[in-house]
Amino acid sequence: MRKKAEYVLYIEDDRSSMLLMRHIFRKKLPELQLLEAVTMEEGITLMDLHRPSLILMDIQLPGMDGYEGLERLRSDPNTAMIPIWAISASALNDDVQRGLDAGFRKYLKKPLAMESFVHQIRGSLLTADDQ
C-alpha cells in the first residue's frame, strides 16, 4: 500500500489530449493523482508544490517547449532525478531518437495505446517500498 499520494504531472496544451489523460487516470490509475499544466512554467510551479514521481510532457508547448523544459529540469538538483517521459504526435523515428538522446526516459507516440501506457506507468512507479 502507498503511504502517501503519488503525483504524476502532465504538461500538455492540447485540451483533447488533457481530457483523455484525465480519463485514463480516473478510470485506470485512480491510485495516482494527476496534476495538469498547460505550459512548462505552470508545470514548474506544480513541481515545486507537489514533487511528482513522474512527469509526462508534450514536446510542442507554448513558450518554453519540451526540450527547453527538459534541460531546465535536468539542471535543477530538486528535479534532476524525476523521470520525464515525452508524449508527442511527432512520431518519426528521428523525432523519437532526438527525444531519447535529449534525455527523456521514454518517448511515447500519440495516440497512446491505453493498456500499454497504463502498464508502463504502473511499472515505472513501483518501488521496493510498495512490495
N, C-alpha and C. Protein backbone atom coordinates (compact mmCIF):
# COMPACT_ATOMS: atom_id res chain seq x y z
N MET A 1 0.83 -1.19 0.00
CA MET A 1 0.00 0.00 0.00
C MET A 1 0.87 1.25 0.00
N ARG A 2 0.45 2.25 -0.70
CA ARG A 2 1.17 3.51 -0.74
C ARG A 2 0.86 4.29 0.53
N LYS A 3 1.92 4.89 1.08
CA LYS A 3 1.77 5.63 2.33
C LYS A 3 1.29 7.06 2.11
N LYS A 4 1.60 7.62 0.93
CA LYS A 4 1.18 8.98 0.63
C LYS A 4 0.76 9.05 -0.82
N ALA A 5 0.07 10.11 -1.18
CA ALA A 5 -0.38 10.26 -2.56
C ALA A 5 0.83 10.39 -3.47
N GLU A 6 0.78 9.68 -4.59
CA GLU A 6 1.81 9.82 -5.59
C GLU A 6 1.24 10.67 -6.70
N TYR A 7 2.02 11.66 -7.11
CA TYR A 7 1.59 12.58 -8.14
C TYR A 7 2.28 12.28 -9.46
N VAL A 8 1.54 12.45 -10.54
CA VAL A 8 2.08 12.42 -11.89
C VAL A 8 1.68 13.75 -12.52
N LEU A 9 2.66 14.46 -13.04
CA LEU A 9 2.41 15.75 -13.68
C LEU A 9 2.35 15.57 -15.19
N TYR A 10 1.29 16.10 -15.80
CA TYR A 10 1.16 16.07 -17.26
C TYR A 10 1.15 17.51 -17.75
N ILE A 11 2.10 17.83 -18.62
CA ILE A 11 2.21 19.17 -19.19
C ILE A 11 1.80 19.07 -20.66
N GLU A 12 0.66 19.66 -20.99
CA GLU A 12 0.04 19.48 -22.31
C GLU A 12 -0.87 20.66 -22.60
N ASP A 13 -0.72 21.27 -23.77
CA ASP A 13 -1.57 22.41 -24.11
C ASP A 13 -2.78 22.04 -24.96
N ASP A 14 -2.86 20.80 -25.43
CA ASP A 14 -3.99 20.36 -26.23
C ASP A 14 -5.10 19.85 -25.31
N ARG A 15 -6.25 20.49 -25.38
CA ARG A 15 -7.36 20.16 -24.49
C ARG A 15 -7.82 18.71 -24.63
N SER A 16 -7.92 18.22 -25.85
CA SER A 16 -8.37 16.83 -26.06
C SER A 16 -7.40 15.83 -25.44
N SER A 17 -6.12 16.08 -25.60
CA SER A 17 -5.12 15.18 -25.01
C SER A 17 -5.20 15.21 -23.49
N MET A 18 -5.42 16.40 -22.94
CA MET A 18 -5.53 16.52 -21.48
C MET A 18 -6.77 15.78 -20.97
N LEU A 19 -7.89 15.93 -21.67
CA LEU A 19 -9.11 15.23 -21.26
C LEU A 19 -8.94 13.72 -21.32
N LEU A 20 -8.27 13.22 -22.35
CA LEU A 20 -8.01 11.79 -22.45
C LEU A 20 -7.14 11.31 -21.29
N MET A 21 -6.09 12.06 -20.98
CA MET A 21 -5.20 11.66 -19.88
C MET A 21 -5.96 11.68 -18.56
N ARG A 22 -6.78 12.67 -18.35
CA ARG A 22 -7.59 12.75 -17.13
C ARG A 22 -8.49 11.52 -17.02
N HIS A 23 -9.10 11.13 -18.12
CA HIS A 23 -9.96 9.95 -18.15
C HIS A 23 -9.16 8.68 -17.81
N ILE A 24 -7.99 8.54 -18.42
CA ILE A 24 -7.14 7.36 -18.15
C ILE A 24 -6.81 7.27 -16.67
N PHE A 25 -6.42 8.38 -16.08
CA PHE A 25 -6.04 8.35 -14.66
C PHE A 25 -7.25 8.08 -13.76
N ARG A 26 -8.40 8.65 -14.08
CA ARG A 26 -9.59 8.41 -13.25
C ARG A 26 -10.04 6.96 -13.31
N LYS A 27 -10.03 6.38 -14.51
CA LYS A 27 -10.58 5.04 -14.70
C LYS A 27 -9.56 3.93 -14.48
N LYS A 28 -8.32 4.14 -14.88
CA LYS A 28 -7.33 3.06 -14.88
C LYS A 28 -6.23 3.22 -13.82
N LEU A 29 -6.02 4.45 -13.35
CA LEU A 29 -4.94 4.71 -12.39
C LEU A 29 -5.44 5.57 -11.23
N PRO A 30 -6.56 5.16 -10.60
CA PRO A 30 -7.14 6.02 -9.56
C PRO A 30 -6.26 6.17 -8.32
N GLU A 31 -5.27 5.30 -8.16
CA GLU A 31 -4.39 5.39 -7.00
C GLU A 31 -3.36 6.52 -7.15
N LEU A 32 -3.29 7.12 -8.33
CA LEU A 32 -2.36 8.22 -8.59
C LEU A 32 -3.12 9.52 -8.77
N GLN A 33 -2.50 10.62 -8.38
CA GLN A 33 -3.12 11.92 -8.57
C GLN A 33 -2.47 12.61 -9.75
N LEU A 34 -3.28 12.97 -10.74
CA LEU A 34 -2.80 13.66 -11.92
C LEU A 34 -2.79 15.16 -11.68
N LEU A 35 -1.64 15.76 -11.90
CA LEU A 35 -1.51 17.21 -11.87
C LEU A 35 -1.48 17.67 -13.32
N GLU A 36 -2.15 18.78 -13.63
CA GLU A 36 -2.27 19.23 -15.00
C GLU A 36 -1.72 20.64 -15.16
N ALA A 37 -0.90 20.81 -16.22
CA ALA A 37 -0.37 22.13 -16.56
C ALA A 37 -0.45 22.32 -18.06
N VAL A 38 -0.74 23.53 -18.49
CA VAL A 38 -0.87 23.86 -19.91
C VAL A 38 0.46 24.36 -20.47
N THR A 39 1.31 24.92 -19.62
CA THR A 39 2.61 25.43 -20.05
C THR A 39 3.70 24.85 -19.15
N MET A 40 4.92 24.91 -19.63
CA MET A 40 6.06 24.45 -18.84
C MET A 40 6.18 25.27 -17.56
N GLU A 41 5.94 26.54 -17.65
CA GLU A 41 6.04 27.41 -16.48
C GLU A 41 5.04 26.98 -15.40
N GLU A 42 3.79 26.67 -15.79
CA GLU A 42 2.81 26.17 -14.83
C GLU A 42 3.28 24.83 -14.25
N GLY A 43 3.86 24.00 -15.09
CA GLY A 43 4.35 22.71 -14.64
C GLY A 43 5.44 22.85 -13.60
N ILE A 44 6.34 23.78 -13.79
CA ILE A 44 7.42 24.01 -12.83
C ILE A 44 6.85 24.45 -11.49
N THR A 45 5.83 25.29 -11.51
CA THR A 45 5.18 25.71 -10.27
C THR A 45 4.57 24.51 -9.55
N LEU A 46 3.87 23.65 -10.29
CA LEU A 46 3.27 22.47 -9.68
C LEU A 46 4.33 21.50 -9.15
N MET A 47 5.45 21.39 -9.86
CA MET A 47 6.55 20.53 -9.37
C MET A 47 7.08 21.01 -8.04
N ASP A 48 7.24 22.31 -7.91
CA ASP A 48 7.73 22.87 -6.65
C ASP A 48 6.77 22.59 -5.50
N LEU A 49 5.48 22.59 -5.77
CA LEU A 49 4.48 22.36 -4.73
C LEU A 49 4.29 20.89 -4.37
N HIS A 50 4.36 20.00 -5.35
CA HIS A 50 3.94 18.61 -5.14
C HIS A 50 5.01 17.55 -5.32
N ARG A 51 6.12 17.85 -5.91
CA ARG A 51 7.19 16.87 -6.15
C ARG A 51 6.66 15.58 -6.76
N PRO A 52 6.23 15.62 -8.02
CA PRO A 52 5.67 14.43 -8.64
C PRO A 52 6.69 13.30 -8.77
N SER A 53 6.18 12.09 -8.85
CA SER A 53 7.02 10.91 -9.04
C SER A 53 7.38 10.71 -10.50
N LEU A 54 6.59 11.31 -11.40
CA LEU A 54 6.79 11.16 -12.83
C LEU A 54 6.25 12.41 -13.52
N ILE A 55 6.94 12.82 -14.57
CA ILE A 55 6.49 13.95 -15.38
C ILE A 55 6.26 13.45 -16.80
N LEU A 56 5.08 13.74 -17.33
CA LEU A 56 4.74 13.45 -18.72
C LEU A 56 4.61 14.78 -19.42
N MET A 57 5.22 14.94 -20.59
CA MET A 57 5.08 16.24 -21.25
C MET A 57 5.07 16.13 -22.75
N ASP A 58 4.30 17.03 -23.33
CA ASP A 58 4.28 17.20 -24.77
C ASP A 58 5.59 17.91 -25.16
N ILE A 59 5.97 17.80 -26.40
CA ILE A 59 7.16 18.49 -26.89
C ILE A 59 6.80 19.90 -27.36
N GLN A 60 5.72 19.98 -28.11
CA GLN A 60 5.30 21.27 -28.68
C GLN A 60 4.42 22.00 -27.67
N LEU A 61 5.02 22.90 -26.91
CA LEU A 61 4.30 23.67 -25.91
C LEU A 61 4.47 25.16 -26.18
N PRO A 62 3.51 25.97 -25.78
CA PRO A 62 3.68 27.42 -25.95
C PRO A 62 4.77 27.94 -25.02
N GLY A 63 5.52 28.93 -25.47
CA GLY A 63 6.61 29.45 -24.64
C GLY A 63 7.76 28.47 -24.63
N MET A 64 8.10 27.98 -23.46
CA MET A 64 9.19 27.02 -23.31
C MET A 64 8.73 25.65 -23.82
N ASP A 65 9.41 25.10 -24.83
CA ASP A 65 9.00 23.80 -25.36
C ASP A 65 9.53 22.66 -24.49
N GLY A 66 9.18 21.45 -24.86
CA GLY A 66 9.54 20.28 -24.07
C GLY A 66 11.04 20.09 -23.92
N TYR A 67 11.79 20.39 -24.97
CA TYR A 67 13.25 20.23 -24.90
C TYR A 67 13.87 21.24 -23.95
N GLU A 68 13.41 22.48 -24.02
CA GLU A 68 13.91 23.50 -23.09
C GLU A 68 13.52 23.15 -21.65
N GLY A 69 12.29 22.68 -21.49
CA GLY A 69 11.82 22.29 -20.16
C GLY A 69 12.64 21.14 -19.60
N LEU A 70 12.91 20.15 -20.43
CA LEU A 70 13.72 19.01 -20.01
C LEU A 70 15.10 19.48 -19.55
N GLU A 71 15.71 20.33 -20.32
CA GLU A 71 17.05 20.84 -19.97
C GLU A 71 17.01 21.59 -18.63
N ARG A 72 16.00 22.40 -18.46
CA ARG A 72 15.88 23.15 -17.20
C ARG A 72 15.68 22.22 -16.00
N LEU A 73 14.82 21.22 -16.15
CA LEU A 73 14.55 20.29 -15.06
C LEU A 73 15.79 19.44 -14.73
N ARG A 74 16.53 19.05 -15.75
CA ARG A 74 17.73 18.24 -15.53
C ARG A 74 18.84 19.05 -14.85
N SER A 75 18.84 20.36 -15.03
CA SER A 75 19.89 21.20 -14.44
C SER A 75 19.57 21.62 -13.01
N ASP A 76 18.35 21.35 -12.54
CA ASP A 76 17.94 21.71 -11.18
C ASP A 76 18.08 20.48 -10.28
N PRO A 77 18.89 20.55 -9.22
CA PRO A 77 19.07 19.39 -8.35
C PRO A 77 17.77 18.88 -7.72
N ASN A 78 16.77 19.75 -7.56
CA ASN A 78 15.49 19.34 -6.97
C ASN A 78 14.63 18.51 -7.91
N THR A 79 14.87 18.60 -9.21
CA THR A 79 14.04 17.88 -10.18
C THR A 79 14.85 16.97 -11.10
N ALA A 80 16.16 16.96 -10.96
CA ALA A 80 17.03 16.23 -11.89
C ALA A 80 16.75 14.73 -11.91
N MET A 81 16.30 14.16 -10.81
CA MET A 81 16.12 12.72 -10.74
C MET A 81 14.69 12.25 -11.05
N ILE A 82 13.78 13.18 -11.28
CA ILE A 82 12.40 12.79 -11.61
C ILE A 82 12.38 12.27 -13.05
N PRO A 83 11.85 11.06 -13.28
CA PRO A 83 11.76 10.58 -14.67
C PRO A 83 10.80 11.44 -15.48
N ILE A 84 11.21 11.74 -16.70
CA ILE A 84 10.40 12.57 -17.59
C ILE A 84 10.20 11.81 -18.89
N TRP A 85 8.92 11.66 -19.26
CA TRP A 85 8.55 10.98 -20.50
C TRP A 85 7.96 11.99 -21.47
N ALA A 86 8.39 11.93 -22.71
CA ALA A 86 7.77 12.72 -23.77
C ALA A 86 6.54 11.97 -24.27
N ILE A 87 5.48 12.72 -24.52
CA ILE A 87 4.29 12.17 -25.17
C ILE A 87 3.98 13.13 -26.31
N SER A 88 4.21 12.67 -27.54
CA SER A 88 4.19 13.60 -28.66
C SER A 88 3.57 12.99 -29.91
N ALA A 89 2.98 13.87 -30.72
CA ALA A 89 2.47 13.47 -32.03
C ALA A 89 3.61 13.46 -33.05
N SER A 90 4.75 14.04 -32.71
CA SER A 90 5.93 13.98 -33.58
C SER A 90 6.48 12.56 -33.48
N ALA A 91 6.15 11.73 -34.46
CA ALA A 91 6.34 10.29 -34.29
C ALA A 91 7.31 9.65 -35.28
N LEU A 92 8.05 10.46 -36.02
CA LEU A 92 9.05 9.88 -36.92
C LEU A 92 10.19 9.30 -36.09
N ASN A 93 10.87 8.31 -36.64
CA ASN A 93 11.98 7.69 -35.90
C ASN A 93 13.01 8.72 -35.47
N ASP A 94 13.29 9.71 -36.33
CA ASP A 94 14.25 10.77 -35.98
C ASP A 94 13.76 11.59 -34.78
N ASP A 95 12.44 11.84 -34.70
CA ASP A 95 11.87 12.59 -33.57
C ASP A 95 12.06 11.81 -32.28
N VAL A 96 11.75 10.52 -32.34
CA VAL A 96 11.88 9.66 -31.16
C VAL A 96 13.34 9.62 -30.71
N GLN A 97 14.24 9.41 -31.65
CA GLN A 97 15.66 9.32 -31.29
C GLN A 97 16.17 10.64 -30.72
N ARG A 98 15.75 11.76 -31.30
CA ARG A 98 16.15 13.06 -30.76
C ARG A 98 15.68 13.22 -29.32
N GLY A 99 14.45 12.81 -29.04
CA GLY A 99 13.91 12.91 -27.69
C GLY A 99 14.68 12.04 -26.70
N LEU A 100 14.98 10.82 -27.09
CA LEU A 100 15.73 9.92 -26.21
C LEU A 100 17.16 10.43 -26.00
N ASP A 101 17.77 10.93 -27.07
CA ASP A 101 19.12 11.49 -26.97
C ASP A 101 19.15 12.72 -26.07
N ALA A 102 18.06 13.49 -26.07
CA ALA A 102 17.98 14.70 -25.24
C ALA A 102 17.87 14.36 -23.76
N GLY A 103 17.37 13.14 -23.45
CA GLY A 103 17.29 12.74 -22.05
C GLY A 103 15.92 12.34 -21.55
N PHE A 104 14.92 12.30 -22.44
CA PHE A 104 13.63 11.79 -22.00
C PHE A 104 13.79 10.31 -21.67
N ARG A 105 13.25 9.87 -20.56
CA ARG A 105 13.35 8.47 -20.17
C ARG A 105 12.61 7.57 -21.15
N LYS A 106 11.44 8.03 -21.60
CA LYS A 106 10.66 7.33 -22.63
C LYS A 106 10.12 8.38 -23.59
N TYR A 107 9.83 7.94 -24.79
CA TYR A 107 9.21 8.80 -25.80
C TYR A 107 8.01 8.03 -26.34
N LEU A 108 6.83 8.42 -25.92
CA LEU A 108 5.60 7.76 -26.33
C LEU A 108 4.92 8.56 -27.44
N LYS A 109 4.41 7.84 -28.42
CA LYS A 109 3.77 8.47 -29.56
C LYS A 109 2.26 8.56 -29.36
N LYS A 110 1.70 9.69 -29.77
CA LYS A 110 0.24 9.85 -29.80
C LYS A 110 -0.25 9.27 -31.11
N PRO A 111 -1.40 8.63 -31.12
CA PRO A 111 -2.26 8.35 -29.98
C PRO A 111 -1.68 7.22 -29.12
N LEU A 112 -1.89 7.33 -27.83
CA LEU A 112 -1.38 6.34 -26.89
C LEU A 112 -2.16 5.03 -26.99
N ALA A 113 -1.46 3.93 -26.83
CA ALA A 113 -2.10 2.63 -26.66
C ALA A 113 -2.40 2.51 -25.17
N MET A 114 -3.65 2.67 -24.78
CA MET A 114 -4.01 2.86 -23.38
C MET A 114 -3.52 1.76 -22.46
N GLU A 115 -3.77 0.51 -22.77
CA GLU A 115 -3.38 -0.57 -21.85
C GLU A 115 -1.86 -0.62 -21.67
N SER A 116 -1.13 -0.45 -22.75
CA SER A 116 0.33 -0.43 -22.67
C SER A 116 0.81 0.76 -21.83
N PHE A 117 0.19 1.91 -22.02
CA PHE A 117 0.54 3.10 -21.27
C PHE A 117 0.30 2.89 -19.78
N VAL A 118 -0.85 2.38 -19.43
CA VAL A 118 -1.19 2.12 -18.02
C VAL A 118 -0.18 1.14 -17.41
N HIS A 119 0.15 0.10 -18.15
CA HIS A 119 1.13 -0.88 -17.68
C HIS A 119 2.50 -0.22 -17.44
N GLN A 120 2.91 0.65 -18.35
CA GLN A 120 4.19 1.34 -18.20
C GLN A 120 4.20 2.28 -17.00
N ILE A 121 3.10 2.98 -16.78
CA ILE A 121 3.01 3.88 -15.62
C ILE A 121 3.12 3.07 -14.34
N ARG A 122 2.35 2.00 -14.25
CA ARG A 122 2.40 1.17 -13.03
C ARG A 122 3.79 0.59 -12.82
N GLY A 123 4.41 0.10 -13.87
CA GLY A 123 5.75 -0.47 -13.76
C GLY A 123 6.78 0.55 -13.35
N SER A 124 6.65 1.75 -13.85
CA SER A 124 7.61 2.81 -13.53
C SER A 124 7.51 3.27 -12.09
N LEU A 125 6.30 3.27 -11.54
CA LEU A 125 6.12 3.83 -10.21
C LEU A 125 6.19 2.79 -9.10
N LEU A 126 6.40 1.52 -9.45
CA LEU A 126 6.59 0.51 -8.42
C LEU A 126 7.97 0.67 -7.80
N THR A 127 8.02 0.65 -6.50
CA THR A 127 9.32 0.72 -5.79
C THR A 127 9.38 -0.42 -4.80
N ALA A 128 10.54 -0.61 -4.26
CA ALA A 128 10.72 -1.66 -3.24
C ALA A 128 9.81 -1.43 -2.04
N ASP A 129 9.51 -0.17 -1.73
CA ASP A 129 8.65 0.15 -0.60
C ASP A 129 7.20 -0.30 -0.83
N ASP A 130 6.80 -0.42 -2.11
CA ASP A 130 5.42 -0.78 -2.42
C ASP A 130 5.21 -2.30 -2.36
N GLN A 131 6.27 -3.06 -2.38
CA GLN A 131 6.14 -4.51 -2.48
C GLN A 131 6.13 -5.18 -1.13
